[in-house]
Amino acid sequence: MRLVEHDGVKIGVFNCEGSLLAIEDRCSHDNGPLAEGEFDPAACTVECPRHGSLFDLRTGRPKTLPAFTPVQTFPIAIEDDTITLEVE
Protein backbone atom coordinates (compact mmCIF):
# COMPACT_ATOMS: atom_id res chain seq x y z
CA MET A 1 0.00 0.00 0.00
CA ARG A 2 1.16 3.49 -0.78
CA LEU A 3 -0.40 6.70 0.52
CA VAL A 4 -0.47 9.76 -1.77
CA GLU A 5 -2.05 13.18 -1.39
CA HIS A 6 -3.67 15.49 -3.95
CA ASP A 7 -5.16 18.88 -3.04
CA GLY A 8 -5.48 17.86 0.61
CA VAL A 9 -7.15 14.51 -0.16
CA LYS A 10 -5.27 11.44 1.04
CA ILE A 11 -5.55 8.43 -1.26
CA GLY A 12 -4.48 4.87 -0.55
CA VAL A 13 -3.17 2.86 -3.51
CA PHE A 14 -3.42 -0.89 -2.94
CA ASN A 15 -2.10 -3.87 -4.92
CA CYS A 16 -4.84 -6.51 -4.96
CA GLU A 17 -3.00 -9.51 -6.37
CA GLY A 18 -1.67 -7.57 -9.36
CA SER A 19 -4.48 -5.04 -9.76
CA LEU A 20 -3.80 -1.51 -8.53
CA LEU A 21 -6.78 0.17 -6.87
CA ALA A 22 -7.08 3.60 -5.28
CA ILE A 23 -9.51 4.65 -2.55
CA GLU A 24 -9.96 7.74 -0.42
CA ASP A 25 -8.07 7.24 2.85
CA ARG A 26 -11.06 8.10 5.02
CA CYS A 27 -13.65 5.88 6.65
CA SER A 28 -17.11 7.25 5.91
CA HIS A 29 -18.18 6.43 9.47
CA ASP A 30 -15.74 8.61 11.44
CA ASN A 31 -12.94 9.66 9.06
CA GLY A 32 -10.56 6.95 10.30
CA PRO A 33 -7.38 6.38 8.22
CA LEU A 34 -8.13 3.31 6.08
CA ALA A 35 -4.48 3.00 5.02
CA GLU A 36 -3.63 2.11 8.63
CA GLY A 37 -6.17 -0.74 8.66
CA GLU A 38 -5.84 -4.44 7.92
CA PHE A 39 -5.49 -5.01 4.16
CA ASP A 40 -6.61 -8.32 2.62
CA PRO A 41 -5.19 -8.51 -0.94
CA ALA A 42 -7.03 -11.74 -1.78
CA ALA A 43 -10.45 -10.32 -0.82
CA CYS A 44 -9.47 -6.83 -2.03
CA THR A 45 -10.69 -5.20 1.19
CA VAL A 46 -9.36 -2.92 3.90
CA GLU A 47 -10.66 -2.72 7.46
CA CYS A 48 -10.97 0.61 9.27
CA PRO A 49 -8.65 0.47 12.29
CA ARG A 50 -11.09 2.43 14.48
CA HIS A 51 -14.39 0.52 14.40
CA GLY A 52 -13.82 -2.36 11.99
CA SER A 53 -15.86 -1.39 8.93
CA LEU A 54 -14.66 -3.43 5.97
CA PHE A 55 -14.42 -1.61 2.61
CA ASP A 56 -14.35 -3.13 -0.88
CA LEU A 57 -11.40 -1.51 -2.66
CA ARG A 58 -12.96 -2.07 -6.10
CA THR A 59 -16.14 -0.10 -5.35
CA GLY A 60 -15.45 1.92 -2.19
CA ARG A 61 -18.58 0.42 -0.63
CA PRO A 62 -18.55 -0.73 2.98
CA LYS A 63 -19.23 -4.44 3.45
CA THR A 64 -19.83 -4.23 7.20
CA LEU A 65 -21.20 -1.73 9.71
CA PRO A 66 -20.90 0.78 11.27
CA ALA A 67 -20.06 2.49 7.93
CA PHE A 68 -22.85 2.49 5.35
CA THR A 69 -21.76 5.22 2.90
CA PRO A 70 -19.21 4.44 0.16
CA VAL A 71 -15.93 6.33 -0.06
CA GLN A 72 -14.50 7.69 -3.29
CA THR A 73 -12.46 5.47 -5.60
CA PHE A 74 -10.03 6.72 -8.23
CA PRO A 75 -9.23 5.19 -11.64
CA ILE A 76 -5.60 4.22 -12.23
CA ALA A 77 -3.86 4.17 -15.59
CA ILE A 78 -0.55 2.38 -16.17
CA GLU A 79 1.57 3.24 -19.19
CA ASP A 80 5.08 1.82 -19.48
CA ASP A 81 6.54 2.35 -15.99
CA THR A 82 4.27 5.28 -15.09
CA ILE A 83 1.26 4.96 -12.79
CA THR A 84 -1.26 7.79 -13.06
CA LEU A 85 -4.12 8.41 -10.66
CA GLU A 86 -7.16 10.12 -12.19
CA VAL A 87 -8.39 12.72 -9.70
CA GLU A 88 -11.17 15.16 -10.61
PDB file of N, CA and C in Angstrom:
ATOM      1  N   MET A   1       0.837  -1.170   0.000  1.00  0.00           N
ATOM      2  CA  MET A   1       0.000   0.000   0.000  1.00  0.00           C
ATOM      3  C   MET A   1       0.884   1.235   0.000  1.00  0.00           C
ATOM      4  N   ARG A   2       0.462   2.213  -0.754  1.00  0.00           N
ATOM      5  CA  ARG A   2       1.164   3.492  -0.779  1.00  0.00           C
ATOM      6  C   ARG A   2       0.127   4.588  -0.570  1.00  0.00           C
ATOM      7  N   LEU A   3       0.480   5.573   0.243  1.00  0.00           N
ATOM      8  CA  LEU A   3      -0.399   6.701   0.520  1.00  0.00           C
ATOM      9  C   LEU A   3       0.100   7.914  -0.252  1.00  0.00           C
ATOM     10  N   VAL A   4      -0.801   8.541  -1.025  1.00  0.00           N
ATOM     11  CA  VAL A   4      -0.467   9.757  -1.766  1.00  0.00           C
ATOM     12  C   VAL A   4      -1.477  10.831  -1.377  1.00  0.00           C
ATOM     13  N   GLU A   5      -1.146  12.075  -1.703  1.00  0.00           N
ATOM     14  CA  GLU A   5      -2.054  13.176  -1.388  1.00  0.00           C
ATOM     15  C   GLU A   5      -2.170  14.105  -2.588  1.00  0.00           C
ATOM     16  N   HIS A   6      -3.407  14.547  -2.858  1.00  0.00           N
ATOM     17  CA  HIS A   6      -3.665  15.485  -3.953  1.00  0.00           C
ATOM     18  C   HIS A   6      -4.680  16.517  -3.474  1.00  0.00           C
ATOM     19  N   ASP A   7      -4.288  17.781  -3.477  1.00  0.00           N
ATOM     20  CA  ASP A   7      -5.162  18.881  -3.041  1.00  0.00           C
ATOM     21  C   ASP A   7      -5.792  18.616  -1.676  1.00  0.00           C
ATOM     22  N   GLY A   8      -5.004  18.097  -0.753  1.00  0.00           N
ATOM     23  CA  GLY A   8      -5.479  17.860   0.605  1.00  0.00           C
ATOM     24  C   GLY A   8      -6.249  16.569   0.806  1.00  0.00           C
ATOM     25  N   VAL A   9      -6.443  15.790  -0.259  1.00  0.00           N
ATOM     26  CA  VAL A   9      -7.151  14.512  -0.161  1.00  0.00           C
ATOM     27  C   VAL A   9      -6.124  13.393  -0.125  1.00  0.00           C
ATOM     28  N   LYS A  10      -6.169  12.592   0.941  1.00  0.00           N
ATOM     29  CA  LYS A  10      -5.270  11.436   1.037  1.00  0.00           C
ATOM     30  C   LYS A  10      -5.915  10.254   0.327  1.00  0.00           C
ATOM     31  N   ILE A  11      -5.085   9.544  -0.453  1.00  0.00           N
ATOM     32  CA  ILE A  11      -5.553   8.429  -1.264  1.00  0.00           C
ATOM     33  C   ILE A  11      -4.636   7.240  -1.030  1.00  0.00           C
ATOM     34  N   GLY A  12      -5.234   6.096  -0.709  1.00  0.00           N
ATOM     35  CA  GLY A  12      -4.477   4.865  -0.547  1.00  0.00           C
ATOM     36  C   GLY A  12      -4.476   4.086  -1.851  1.00  0.00           C
ATOM     37  N   VAL A  13      -3.294   3.671  -2.297  1.00  0.00           N
ATOM     38  CA  VAL A  13      -3.166   2.859  -3.510  1.00  0.00           C
ATOM     39  C   VAL A  13      -2.764   1.457  -3.064  1.00  0.00           C
ATOM     40  N   PHE A  14      -3.595   0.481  -3.401  1.00  0.00           N
ATOM     41  CA  PHE A  14      -3.420  -0.893  -2.944  1.00  0.00           C
ATOM     42  C   PHE A  14      -3.177  -1.820  -4.127  1.00  0.00           C
ATOM     43  N   ASN A  15      -2.353  -2.848  -3.915  1.00  0.00           N
ATOM     44  CA  ASN A  15      -2.101  -3.866  -4.925  1.00  0.00           C
ATOM     45  C   ASN A  15      -2.880  -5.114  -4.531  1.00  0.00           C
ATOM     46  N   CYS A  16      -3.990  -5.347  -5.226  1.00  0.00           N
ATOM     47  CA  CYS A  16      -4.837  -6.514  -4.960  1.00  0.00           C
ATOM     48  C   CYS A  16      -4.465  -7.622  -5.932  1.00  0.00           C
ATOM     49  N   GLU A  17      -3.463  -8.381  -5.559  1.00  0.00           N
ATOM     50  CA  GLU A  17      -3.001  -9.510  -6.365  1.00  0.00           C
ATOM     51  C   GLU A  17      -2.769  -9.118  -7.826  1.00  0.00           C
ATOM     52  N   GLY A  18      -2.043  -8.011  -8.024  1.00  0.00           N
ATOM     53  CA  GLY A  18      -1.669  -7.574  -9.362  1.00  0.00           C
ATOM     54  C   GLY A  18      -2.503  -6.442  -9.925  1.00  0.00           C
ATOM     55  N   SER A  19      -3.642  -6.156  -9.323  1.00  0.00           N
ATOM     56  CA  SER A  19      -4.482  -5.037  -9.763  1.00  0.00           C
ATOM     57  C   SER A  19      -4.301  -3.863  -8.815  1.00  0.00           C
ATOM     58  N   LEU A  20      -3.949  -2.702  -9.354  1.00  0.00           N
ATOM     59  CA  LEU A  20      -3.803  -1.510  -8.527  1.00  0.00           C
ATOM     60  C   LEU A  20      -5.148  -0.808  -8.399  1.00  0.00           C
ATOM     61  N   LEU A  21      -5.517  -0.501  -7.159  1.00  0.00           N
ATOM     62  CA  LEU A  21      -6.782   0.171  -6.875  1.00  0.00           C
ATOM     63  C   LEU A  21      -6.524   1.319  -5.921  1.00  0.00           C
ATOM     64  N   ALA A  22      -7.270   2.413  -6.115  1.00  0.00           N
ATOM     65  CA  ALA A  22      -7.083   3.602  -5.277  1.00  0.00           C
ATOM     66  C   ALA A  22      -8.403   3.984  -4.621  1.00  0.00           C
ATOM     67  N   ILE A  23      -8.326   4.321  -3.340  1.00  0.00           N
ATOM     68  CA  ILE A  23      -9.507   4.651  -2.547  1.00  0.00           C
ATOM     69  C   ILE A  23      -9.171   5.800  -1.612  1.00  0.00           C
ATOM     70  N   GLU A  24     -10.158   6.641  -1.359  1.00  0.00           N
ATOM     71  CA  GLU A  24      -9.964   7.742  -0.418  1.00  0.00           C
ATOM     72  C   GLU A  24      -9.590   7.175   0.944  1.00  0.00           C
ATOM     73  N   ASP A  25      -8.574   7.743   1.562  1.00  0.00           N
ATOM     74  CA  ASP A  25      -8.072   7.244   2.849  1.00  0.00           C
ATOM     75  C   ASP A  25      -8.873   7.854   3.999  1.00  0.00           C
ATOM     76  N   ARG A  26     -10.187   7.519   4.005  1.00  0.00           N
ATOM     77  CA  ARG A  26     -11.059   8.096   5.017  1.00  0.00           C
ATOM     78  C   ARG A  26     -12.281   7.208   5.173  1.00  0.00           C
ATOM     79  N   CYS A  27     -12.450   6.664   6.360  1.00  0.00           N
ATOM     80  CA  CYS A  27     -13.645   5.877   6.645  1.00  0.00           C
ATOM     81  C   CYS A  27     -14.849   6.814   6.640  1.00  0.00           C
ATOM     82  N   SER A  28     -15.921   6.409   5.981  1.00  0.00           N
ATOM     83  CA  SER A  28     -17.114   7.252   5.908  1.00  0.00           C
ATOM     84  C   SER A  28     -17.882   7.288   7.227  1.00  0.00           C
ATOM     85  N   HIS A  29     -17.524   6.437   8.167  1.00  0.00           N
ATOM     86  CA  HIS A  29     -18.184   6.425   9.475  1.00  0.00           C
ATOM     87  C   HIS A  29     -17.643   7.502  10.397  1.00  0.00           C
ATOM     88  N   ASP A  30     -16.305   7.608  10.510  1.00  0.00           N
ATOM     89  CA  ASP A  30     -15.742   8.612  11.436  1.00  0.00           C
ATOM     90  C   ASP A  30     -14.404   9.181  10.965  1.00  0.00           C
ATOM     91  N   ASN A  31     -14.161   9.102   9.657  1.00  0.00           N
ATOM     92  CA  ASN A  31     -12.938   9.655   9.056  1.00  0.00           C
ATOM     93  C   ASN A  31     -11.655   8.947   9.479  1.00  0.00           C
ATOM     94  N   GLY A  32     -11.745   7.719   9.925  1.00  0.00           N
ATOM     95  CA  GLY A  32     -10.557   6.952  10.298  1.00  0.00           C
ATOM     96  C   GLY A  32      -9.661   6.708   9.096  1.00  0.00           C
ATOM     97  N   PRO A  33      -8.347   6.581   9.315  1.00  0.00           N
ATOM     98  CA  PRO A  33      -7.384   6.378   8.224  1.00  0.00           C
ATOM     99  C   PRO A  33      -7.384   4.929   7.727  1.00  0.00           C
ATOM    100  N   LEU A  34      -8.025   4.678   6.600  1.00  0.00           N
ATOM    101  CA  LEU A  34      -8.130   3.310   6.082  1.00  0.00           C
ATOM    102  C   LEU A  34      -6.775   2.697   5.771  1.00  0.00           C
ATOM    103  N   ALA A  35      -5.814   3.511   5.364  1.00  0.00           N
ATOM    104  CA  ALA A  35      -4.484   2.999   5.023  1.00  0.00           C
ATOM    105  C   ALA A  35      -3.786   2.366   6.219  1.00  0.00           C
ATOM    106  N   GLU A  36      -4.220   2.695   7.424  1.00  0.00           N
ATOM    107  CA  GLU A  36      -3.632   2.105   8.630  1.00  0.00           C
ATOM    108  C   GLU A  36      -4.342   0.824   9.046  1.00  0.00           C
ATOM    109  N   GLY A  37      -5.393   0.449   8.311  1.00  0.00           N
ATOM    110  CA  GLY A  37      -6.170  -0.736   8.659  1.00  0.00           C
ATOM    111  C   GLY A  37      -5.602  -2.010   8.066  1.00  0.00           C
ATOM    112  N   GLU A  38      -6.238  -3.114   8.405  1.00  0.00           N
ATOM    113  CA  GLU A  38      -5.841  -4.440   7.924  1.00  0.00           C
ATOM    114  C   GLU A  38      -6.253  -4.590   6.456  1.00  0.00           C
ATOM    115  N   PHE A  39      -5.277  -4.868   5.599  1.00  0.00           N
ATOM    116  CA  PHE A  39      -5.490  -5.008   4.163  1.00  0.00           C
ATOM    117  C   PHE A  39      -5.485  -6.481   3.797  1.00  0.00           C
ATOM    118  N   ASP A  40      -6.521  -6.935   3.082  1.00  0.00           N
ATOM    119  CA  ASP A  40      -6.608  -8.317   2.616  1.00  0.00           C
ATOM    120  C   ASP A  40      -6.532  -8.306   1.088  1.00  0.00           C
ATOM    121  N   PRO A  41      -5.338  -8.578   0.513  1.00  0.00           N
ATOM    122  CA  PRO A  41      -5.192  -8.507  -0.943  1.00  0.00           C
ATOM    123  C   PRO A  41      -6.015  -9.552  -1.694  1.00  0.00           C
ATOM    124  N   ALA A  42      -6.254 -10.706  -1.102  1.00  0.00           N
ATOM    125  CA  ALA A  42      -7.033 -11.744  -1.780  1.00  0.00           C
ATOM    126  C   ALA A  42      -8.506 -11.343  -1.887  1.00  0.00           C
ATOM    127  N   ALA A  43      -9.050 -10.755  -0.817  1.00  0.00           N
ATOM    128  CA  ALA A  43     -10.448 -10.317  -0.818  1.00  0.00           C
ATOM    129  C   ALA A  43     -10.605  -8.908  -1.385  1.00  0.00           C
ATOM    130  N   CYS A  44      -9.489  -8.207  -1.529  1.00  0.00           N
ATOM    131  CA  CYS A  44      -9.470  -6.828  -2.028  1.00  0.00           C
ATOM    132  C   CYS A  44     -10.292  -5.911  -1.119  1.00  0.00           C
ATOM    133  N   THR A  45      -9.997  -6.002   0.191  1.00  0.00           N
ATOM    134  CA  THR A  45     -10.689  -5.197   1.192  1.00  0.00           C
ATOM    135  C   THR A  45      -9.685  -4.576   2.150  1.00  0.00           C
ATOM    136  N   VAL A  46     -10.139  -3.520   2.826  1.00  0.00           N
ATOM    137  CA  VAL A  46      -9.362  -2.917   3.896  1.00  0.00           C
ATOM    138  C   VAL A  46     -10.328  -2.656   5.049  1.00  0.00           C
ATOM    139  N   GLU A  47      -9.842  -2.890   6.266  1.00  0.00           N
ATOM    140  CA  GLU A  47     -10.661  -2.720   7.465  1.00  0.00           C
ATOM    141  C   GLU A  47     -10.263  -1.438   8.186  1.00  0.00           C
ATOM    142  N   CYS A  48     -11.250  -0.615   8.522  1.00  0.00           N
ATOM    143  CA  CYS A  48     -10.970   0.608   9.267  1.00  0.00           C
ATOM    144  C   CYS A  48     -10.401   0.234  10.633  1.00  0.00           C
ATOM    145  N   PRO A  49      -9.275   0.834  11.020  1.00  0.00           N
ATOM    146  CA  PRO A  49      -8.653   0.473  12.292  1.00  0.00           C
ATOM    147  C   PRO A  49      -9.418   0.978  13.516  1.00  0.00           C
ATOM    148  N   ARG A  50     -10.370   1.867  13.328  1.00  0.00           N
ATOM    149  CA  ARG A  50     -11.090   2.428  14.480  1.00  0.00           C
ATOM    150  C   ARG A  50     -12.270   1.572  14.926  1.00  0.00           C
ATOM    151  N   HIS A  51     -13.178   1.243  14.008  1.00  0.00           N
ATOM    152  CA  HIS A  51     -14.387   0.524  14.403  1.00  0.00           C
ATOM    153  C   HIS A  51     -14.656  -0.721  13.564  1.00  0.00           C
ATOM    154  N   GLY A  52     -13.735  -1.078  12.674  1.00  0.00           N
ATOM    155  CA  GLY A  52     -13.816  -2.361  11.988  1.00  0.00           C
ATOM    156  C   GLY A  52     -14.651  -2.435  10.727  1.00  0.00           C
ATOM    157  N   SER A  53     -15.128  -1.316  10.199  1.00  0.00           N
ATOM    158  CA  SER A  53     -15.862  -1.387   8.930  1.00  0.00           C
ATOM    159  C   SER A  53     -14.926  -1.902   7.842  1.00  0.00           C
ATOM    160  N   LEU A  54     -15.439  -2.810   7.043  1.00  0.00           N
ATOM    161  CA  LEU A  54     -14.664  -3.430   5.973  1.00  0.00           C
ATOM    162  C   LEU A  54     -15.090  -2.803   4.649  1.00  0.00           C
ATOM    163  N   PHE A  55     -14.123  -2.279   3.872  1.00  0.00           N
ATOM    164  CA  PHE A  55     -14.422  -1.608   2.607  1.00  0.00           C
ATOM    165  C   PHE A  55     -13.907  -2.414   1.426  1.00  0.00           C
ATOM    166  N   ASP A  56     -14.735  -2.506   0.380  1.00  0.00           N
ATOM    167  CA  ASP A  56     -14.352  -3.134  -0.879  1.00  0.00           C
ATOM    168  C   ASP A  56     -13.519  -2.118  -1.662  1.00  0.00           C
ATOM    169  N   LEU A  57     -12.293  -2.444  -1.970  1.00  0.00           N
ATOM    170  CA  LEU A  57     -11.397  -1.514  -2.656  1.00  0.00           C
ATOM    171  C   LEU A  57     -11.774  -1.295  -4.119  1.00  0.00           C
ATOM    172  N   ARG A  58     -12.538  -2.216  -4.698  1.00  0.00           N
ATOM    173  CA  ARG A  58     -12.958  -2.068  -6.096  1.00  0.00           C
ATOM    174  C   ARG A  58     -14.071  -1.030  -6.246  1.00  0.00           C
ATOM    175  N   THR A  59     -14.950  -0.953  -5.246  1.00  0.00           N
ATOM    176  CA  THR A  59     -16.138  -0.098  -5.349  1.00  0.00           C
ATOM    177  C   THR A  59     -16.164   1.051  -4.343  1.00  0.00           C
ATOM    178  N   GLY A  60     -15.402   0.937  -3.260  1.00  0.00           N
ATOM    179  CA  GLY A  60     -15.453   1.921  -2.187  1.00  0.00           C
ATOM    180  C   GLY A  60     -16.601   1.690  -1.222  1.00  0.00           C
ATOM    181  N   ARG A  61     -17.418   0.686  -1.483  1.00  0.00           N
ATOM    182  CA  ARG A  61     -18.584   0.423  -0.632  1.00  0.00           C
ATOM    183  C   ARG A  61     -18.189  -0.347   0.624  1.00  0.00           C
ATOM    184  N   PRO A  62     -18.801   0.030   1.758  1.00  0.00           N
ATOM    185  CA  PRO A  62     -18.554  -0.733   2.977  1.00  0.00           C
ATOM    186  C   PRO A  62     -19.284  -2.071   2.910  1.00  0.00           C
ATOM    187  N   LYS A  63     -18.637  -3.103   3.425  1.00  0.00           N
ATOM    188  CA  LYS A  63     -19.229  -4.439   3.449  1.00  0.00           C
ATOM    189  C   LYS A  63     -19.795  -4.769   4.823  1.00  0.00           C
ATOM    190  N   THR A  64     -19.353  -4.005   5.838  1.00  0.00           N
ATOM    191  CA  THR A  64     -19.829  -4.227   7.205  1.00  0.00           C
ATOM    192  C   THR A  64     -20.092  -2.879   7.877  1.00  0.00           C
ATOM    193  N   LEU A  65     -20.920  -2.920   8.908  1.00  0.00           N
ATOM    194  CA  LEU A  65     -21.201  -1.729   9.714  1.00  0.00           C
ATOM    195  C   LEU A  65     -20.040  -1.471  10.652  1.00  0.00           C
ATOM    196  N   PRO A  66     -19.896  -0.277  11.208  1.00  0.00           N
ATOM    197  CA  PRO A  66     -20.897   0.776  11.268  1.00  0.00           C
ATOM    198  C   PRO A  66     -20.950   1.681  10.039  1.00  0.00           C
ATOM    199  N   ALA A  67     -19.999   1.635   9.139  1.00  0.00           N
ATOM    200  CA  ALA A  67     -20.055   2.486   7.935  1.00  0.00           C
ATOM    201  C   ALA A  67     -21.145   1.967   7.003  1.00  0.00           C
ATOM    202  N   PHE A  68     -21.846   2.885   6.335  1.00  0.00           N
ATOM    203  CA  PHE A  68     -22.854   2.485   5.353  1.00  0.00           C
ATOM    204  C   PHE A  68     -22.789   3.330   4.079  1.00  0.00           C
ATOM    205  N   THR A  69     -21.930   4.351   4.067  1.00  0.00           N
ATOM    206  CA  THR A  69     -21.759   5.218   2.903  1.00  0.00           C
ATOM    207  C   THR A  69     -20.440   4.877   2.204  1.00  0.00           C
ATOM    208  N   PRO A  70     -20.457   4.722   0.875  1.00  0.00           N
ATOM    209  CA  PRO A  70     -19.205   4.442   0.156  1.00  0.00           C
ATOM    210  C   PRO A  70     -18.226   5.606   0.236  1.00  0.00           C
ATOM    211  N   VAL A  71     -16.957   5.300   0.061  1.00  0.00           N
ATOM    212  CA  VAL A  71     -15.928   6.331  -0.063  1.00  0.00           C
ATOM    213  C   VAL A  71     -15.519   6.391  -1.534  1.00  0.00           C
ATOM    214  N   GLN A  72     -14.868   7.465  -1.897  1.00  0.00           N
ATOM    215  CA  GLN A  72     -14.502   7.688  -3.293  1.00  0.00           C
ATOM    216  C   GLN A  72     -13.392   6.744  -3.744  1.00  0.00           C
ATOM    217  N   THR A  73     -13.522   6.250  -4.961  1.00  0.00           N
ATOM    218  CA  THR A  73     -12.464   5.471  -5.600  1.00  0.00           C
ATOM    219  C   THR A  73     -11.906   6.301  -6.754  1.00  0.00           C
ATOM    220  N   PHE A  74     -10.706   5.959  -7.186  1.00  0.00           N
ATOM    221  CA  PHE A  74     -10.029   6.725  -8.231  1.00  0.00           C
ATOM    222  C   PHE A  74      -9.479   5.773  -9.286  1.00  0.00           C
ATOM    223  N   PRO A  75      -9.782   6.021 -10.578  1.00  0.00           N
ATOM    224  CA  PRO A  75      -9.226   5.185 -11.642  1.00  0.00           C
ATOM    225  C   PRO A  75      -7.702   5.326 -11.713  1.00  0.00           C
ATOM    226  N   ILE A  76      -7.057   4.238 -12.071  1.00  0.00           N
ATOM    227  CA  ILE A  76      -5.604   4.216 -12.227  1.00  0.00           C
ATOM    228  C   ILE A  76      -5.275   3.800 -13.657  1.00  0.00           C
ATOM    229  N   ALA A  77      -4.350   4.520 -14.260  1.00  0.00           N
ATOM    230  CA  ALA A  77      -3.858   4.167 -15.594  1.00  0.00           C
ATOM    231  C   ALA A  77      -2.376   3.835 -15.478  1.00  0.00           C
ATOM    232  N   ILE A  78      -1.961   2.776 -16.172  1.00  0.00           N
ATOM    233  CA  ILE A  78      -0.555   2.376 -16.173  1.00  0.00           C
ATOM    234  C   ILE A  78      -0.066   2.388 -17.617  1.00  0.00           C
ATOM    235  N   GLU A  79       0.982   3.172 -17.858  1.00  0.00           N
ATOM    236  CA  GLU A  79       1.574   3.238 -19.193  1.00  0.00           C
ATOM    237  C   GLU A  79       3.080   3.146 -19.042  1.00  0.00           C
ATOM    238  N   ASP A  80       3.654   2.114 -19.644  1.00  0.00           N
ATOM    239  CA  ASP A  80       5.077   1.816 -19.479  1.00  0.00           C
ATOM    240  C   ASP A  80       5.357   1.640 -17.988  1.00  0.00           C
ATOM    241  N   ASP A  81       6.228   2.448 -17.416  1.00  0.00           N
ATOM    242  CA  ASP A  81       6.544   2.350 -15.989  1.00  0.00           C
ATOM    243  C   ASP A  81       5.897   3.463 -15.173  1.00  0.00           C
ATOM    244  N   THR A  82       4.902   4.146 -15.758  1.00  0.00           N
ATOM    245  CA  THR A  82       4.274   5.278 -15.085  1.00  0.00           C
ATOM    246  C   THR A  82       2.861   4.920 -14.634  1.00  0.00           C
ATOM    247  N   ILE A  83       2.582   5.168 -13.361  1.00  0.00           N
ATOM    248  CA  ILE A  83       1.257   4.958 -12.791  1.00  0.00           C
ATOM    249  C   ILE A  83       0.624   6.331 -12.593  1.00  0.00           C
ATOM    250  N   THR A  84      -0.563   6.516 -13.163  1.00  0.00           N
ATOM    251  CA  THR A  84      -1.262   7.794 -13.064  1.00  0.00           C
ATOM    252  C   THR A  84      -2.599   7.589 -12.371  1.00  0.00           C
ATOM    253  N   LEU A  85      -2.860   8.423 -11.398  1.00  0.00           N
ATOM    254  CA  LEU A  85      -4.116   8.407 -10.658  1.00  0.00           C
ATOM    255  C   LEU A  85      -5.013   9.487 -11.241  1.00  0.00           C
ATOM    256  N   GLU A  86      -6.233   9.138 -11.618  1.00  0.00           N
ATOM    257  CA  GLU A  86      -7.157  10.115 -12.189  1.00  0.00           C
ATOM    258  C   GLU A  86      -7.991  10.729 -11.074  1.00  0.00           C
ATOM    259  N   VAL A  87      -7.710  12.005 -10.775  1.00  0.00           N
ATOM    260  CA  VAL A  87      -8.393  12.717  -9.703  1.00  0.00           C
ATOM    261  C   VAL A  87      -9.098  13.916 -10.312  1.00  0.00           C
ATOM    262  N   GLU A  88     -10.407  14.021 -10.063  1.00  0.00           N
ATOM    263  CA  GLU A  88     -11.167  15.156 -10.611  1.00  0.00           C
ATOM    264  C   GLU A  88     -11.129  16.325  -9.671  1.00  0.00           C
TER     265      GLU A  88
END
